[in-house]
Amino acid sequence: MNFSVYTSAKVQNIKRVFTDTFSESEGQPEGEIIGELAYNMLVQTDEKELYCFIAEEDKQIIGAIIFTKMTLGNNANAFILSPIAVNTMQQGKGIGQSLINYGINMLKKDGVELLFTYGDPNYYSKVGYQQISEEQIKAPQKLSLPHGWLCQSLTSNVIPIVKGDTSCVEALNKAEYW
């Protein structure tokens, strides 16, 4: 297995991984939505506000993860992990957690201070995320499942309280994703 930074030549393959993975686990409509989200993030987001890493085996993309810029009231260097996909035939082998950890290490090297996600606390706690409240740090959109608002500090063990509004990249800034 090889982890690497994506290249623009692989955007369609990455979109397919997201579409297929979410279609198989959540149904075709959800797969199409998440595939389109991943595609839009990769083609519409400024490269300074985007990280995408892929997992390949035998020159085939079997997983992908996207991190995009979050803007906070305290001007911390922050990103959000969303979305991540691992081919359903490859799940349960630790590929997702390895891909997340690979991404975290790359973001740390680039000075990212806070890393967010919105998902299953049981899964993401395995890679350092903690549940936070919107009183601690407000989400960019109204959360349908507030218990899924998660963060980790890449510089210390303490997640600060950050006052004010937050924002995310345009492709992710739609109520249906939150």
Protein backbone atom coordinates (compact mmCIF):
# COMPACT_ATOMS: atom_id res chain seq x y z
CA MET A 1 0.00 0.00 0.00
CA ASN A 2 1.22 3.44 -0.94
CA PHE A 3 0.01 6.78 0.47
CA SER A 4 0.61 9.94 -1.54
CA VAL A 5 -0.65 13.40 -2.42
CA TYR A 6 -3.24 13.33 -5.19
CA THR A 7 -2.57 14.80 -8.60
CA SER A 8 -5.16 16.56 -10.75
CA ALA A 9 -4.87 13.73 -13.29
CA LYS A 10 -6.52 11.44 -10.71
CA VAL A 11 -9.55 13.62 -9.89
CA GLN A 12 -12.04 11.45 -11.81
CA ASN A 13 -10.68 8.27 -10.17
CA ILE A 14 -10.97 9.89 -6.75
CA LYS A 15 -14.55 10.95 -7.49
CA ARG A 16 -15.32 7.35 -8.48
CA VAL A 17 -13.91 5.99 -5.19
CA PHE A 18 -16.18 8.33 -3.20
CA THR A 19 -19.22 7.63 -5.39
CA ASP A 20 -18.79 3.86 -5.35
CA THR A 21 -17.97 3.60 -1.65
CA PHE A 22 -20.89 5.71 -0.47
CA SER A 23 -23.27 4.13 -3.02
CA GLU A 24 -22.46 0.67 -1.67
CA SER A 25 -22.82 1.66 1.98
CA GLU A 26 -25.46 4.43 1.92
CA GLY A 27 -27.27 3.98 -1.40
CA GLN A 28 -26.81 5.38 -4.90
CA PRO A 29 -28.24 8.89 -4.20
CA GLU A 30 -25.84 9.41 -1.27
CA GLY A 31 -22.96 8.07 -3.36
CA GLU A 32 -23.69 10.58 -6.10
CA ILE A 33 -23.89 13.44 -3.59
CA ILE A 34 -20.59 12.58 -1.88
CA GLY A 35 -18.83 11.87 -5.19
CA GLU A 36 -19.91 15.29 -6.45
CA LEU A 37 -18.83 16.92 -3.17
CA ALA A 38 -15.34 15.39 -3.47
CA TYR A 39 -15.09 16.41 -7.13
CA ASN A 40 -16.21 19.99 -6.42
CA MET A 41 -13.77 20.31 -3.54
CA LEU A 42 -10.89 19.17 -5.74
CA VAL A 43 -11.69 21.38 -8.73
CA GLN A 44 -13.13 24.49 -7.05
CA THR A 45 -10.94 24.92 -3.96
CA ASP A 46 -7.75 26.97 -4.05
CA GLU A 47 -4.77 24.63 -3.71
CA LYS A 48 -3.59 26.55 -0.61
CA GLU A 49 -6.87 25.59 1.08
CA LEU A 50 -6.84 21.91 0.14
CA TYR A 51 -5.05 18.68 0.95
CA CYS A 52 -6.03 15.39 -0.66
CA PHE A 53 -4.23 12.13 -0.01
CA ILE A 54 -4.80 8.77 -1.64
CA ALA A 55 -4.12 5.14 -0.79
CA GLU A 56 -3.12 2.99 -3.74
CA GLU A 57 -2.60 -0.71 -4.13
CA ASP A 58 -1.40 -2.17 -7.43
CA LYS A 59 -1.69 1.33 -8.95
CA GLN A 60 -5.42 1.44 -8.12
CA ILE A 61 -6.85 4.09 -5.79
CA ILE A 62 -8.54 2.25 -2.92
CA GLY A 63 -9.00 5.20 -0.57
CA ALA A 64 -8.95 8.96 -0.47
CA ILE A 65 -9.21 11.71 2.11
CA ILE A 66 -9.79 15.43 1.69
CA PHE A 67 -8.95 18.22 4.13
CA THR A 68 -10.04 21.80 3.43
CA LYS A 69 -9.45 25.14 5.12
CA MET A 70 -11.61 26.36 7.99
CA THR A 71 -11.56 29.99 8.99
CA LEU A 72 -11.89 30.70 12.72
CA GLY A 73 -12.38 33.87 14.74
CA ASN A 74 -8.93 33.52 16.30
CA ASN A 75 -7.19 33.09 12.91
CA ALA A 76 -5.80 29.67 13.88
CA ASN A 77 -4.48 27.59 11.00
CA ALA A 78 -7.37 25.11 10.84
CA PHE A 79 -8.66 22.46 8.41
CA ILE A 80 -11.57 20.04 8.31
CA LEU A 81 -11.43 16.40 7.29
CA SER A 82 -14.37 15.69 5.01
CA PRO A 83 -14.90 13.38 3.24
CA ILE A 84 -12.96 10.12 3.47
CA ALA A 85 -13.64 6.91 1.58
CA VAL A 86 -12.09 3.45 1.47
CA ASN A 87 -13.22 0.91 -1.12
CA THR A 88 -15.77 -1.35 0.60
CA MET A 89 -13.77 -4.49 -0.29
CA GLN A 90 -10.78 -2.98 1.55
CA GLN A 91 -12.59 -1.82 4.69
CA GLY A 92 -11.80 -3.29 8.10
CA LYS A 93 -8.06 -3.46 7.38
CA GLY A 94 -7.09 -0.18 9.06
CA ILE A 95 -6.64 1.66 5.76
CA GLY A 96 -8.95 4.53 6.76
CA GLN A 97 -7.17 5.13 10.06
CA SER A 98 -3.78 4.88 8.36
CA LEU A 99 -4.89 7.37 5.72
CA ILE A 100 -6.15 9.76 8.40
CA ASN A 101 -2.89 9.47 10.35
CA TYR A 102 -0.88 10.03 7.16
CA GLY A 103 -2.88 13.19 6.50
CA ILE A 104 -2.55 14.40 10.10
CA ASN A 105 1.23 14.01 9.95
CA MET A 106 1.41 15.96 6.69
CA LEU A 107 -0.79 18.76 8.08
CA LYS A 108 1.30 18.94 11.27
CA LYS A 109 4.43 19.42 9.17
CA ASP A 110 2.72 22.35 7.43
CA GLY A 111 1.82 24.06 10.71
CA VAL A 112 -1.89 23.26 10.90
CA GLU A 113 -3.03 23.90 14.48
CA LEU A 114 -6.60 22.60 14.67
CA LEU A 115 -8.24 19.80 12.75
CA PHE A 116 -12.01 19.30 12.64
CA THR A 117 -14.38 16.67 11.33
CA TYR A 118 -18.07 15.94 11.54
CA GLY A 119 -18.78 12.27 11.99
CA ASP A 120 -18.87 9.24 14.27
CA PRO A 121 -17.12 10.05 17.57
CA ASN A 122 -16.36 6.36 18.20
CA TYR A 123 -14.46 6.03 14.93
CA TYR A 124 -12.65 9.37 14.92
CA SER A 125 -11.61 9.17 18.59
CA LYS A 126 -9.25 6.36 17.49
CA VAL A 127 -7.22 8.95 15.56
CA GLY A 128 -7.16 11.70 18.18
CA TYR A 129 -10.44 13.56 17.73
CA GLN A 130 -12.52 14.75 20.70
CA GLN A 131 -16.13 15.82 20.83
CA ILE A 132 -16.57 19.56 21.16
CA SER A 133 -19.61 21.76 21.54
CA GLU A 134 -20.64 24.70 19.43
CA GLU A 135 -20.15 26.85 22.51
CA GLN A 136 -16.47 25.88 22.32
CA ILE A 137 -16.09 26.36 18.55
CA LYS A 138 -19.04 27.10 16.31
CA ALA A 139 -19.55 24.95 13.19
CA PRO A 140 -19.85 26.68 9.80
CA GLN A 141 -23.45 25.42 9.40
CA LYS A 142 -26.23 24.27 11.75
CA LEU A 143 -25.41 20.73 12.86
CA SER A 144 -28.07 18.05 12.45
CA LEU A 145 -26.10 15.77 14.82
CA PRO A 146 -24.24 18.01 17.31
CA HIS A 147 -22.51 15.03 18.98
CA GLY A 148 -20.58 14.51 15.73
CA TRP A 149 -18.75 17.87 15.92
CA LEU A 150 -15.14 16.85 16.58
CA CYS A 151 -11.75 18.52 16.82
CA GLN A 152 -8.16 17.84 17.70
CA SER A 153 -5.28 20.16 18.39
CA LEU A 154 -2.16 19.36 16.40
CA THR A 155 -0.01 21.56 18.64
CA SER A 156 -1.12 20.65 22.19
CA ASN A 157 -3.62 18.57 24.11
CA VAL A 158 -5.89 21.54 24.73
CA ILE A 159 -8.60 22.57 22.28
CA PRO A 160 -9.22 26.29 22.83
CA ILE A 161 -12.50 28.11 23.09
CA VAL A 162 -12.83 30.20 19.95
CA LYS A 163 -15.39 32.99 19.84
CA GLY A 164 -17.11 34.13 16.68
CA ASP A 165 -18.27 32.57 13.47
CA THR A 166 -16.38 30.01 11.44
CA SER A 167 -16.44 29.30 7.74
CA CYS A 168 -15.38 26.54 5.40
CA VAL A 169 -14.67 26.27 1.69
CA GLU A 170 -17.58 26.94 -0.65
CA ALA A 171 -18.00 23.34 -1.84
CA LEU A 172 -18.59 22.14 1.76
CA ASN A 173 -20.64 25.15 2.84
CA LYS A 174 -24.06 23.62 2.17
CA ALA A 175 -26.58 22.80 4.89
CA GLU A 176 -27.19 19.27 3.57
CA TYR A 177 -23.65 18.20 4.49
CA TRP A 178 -24.08 19.29 8.08
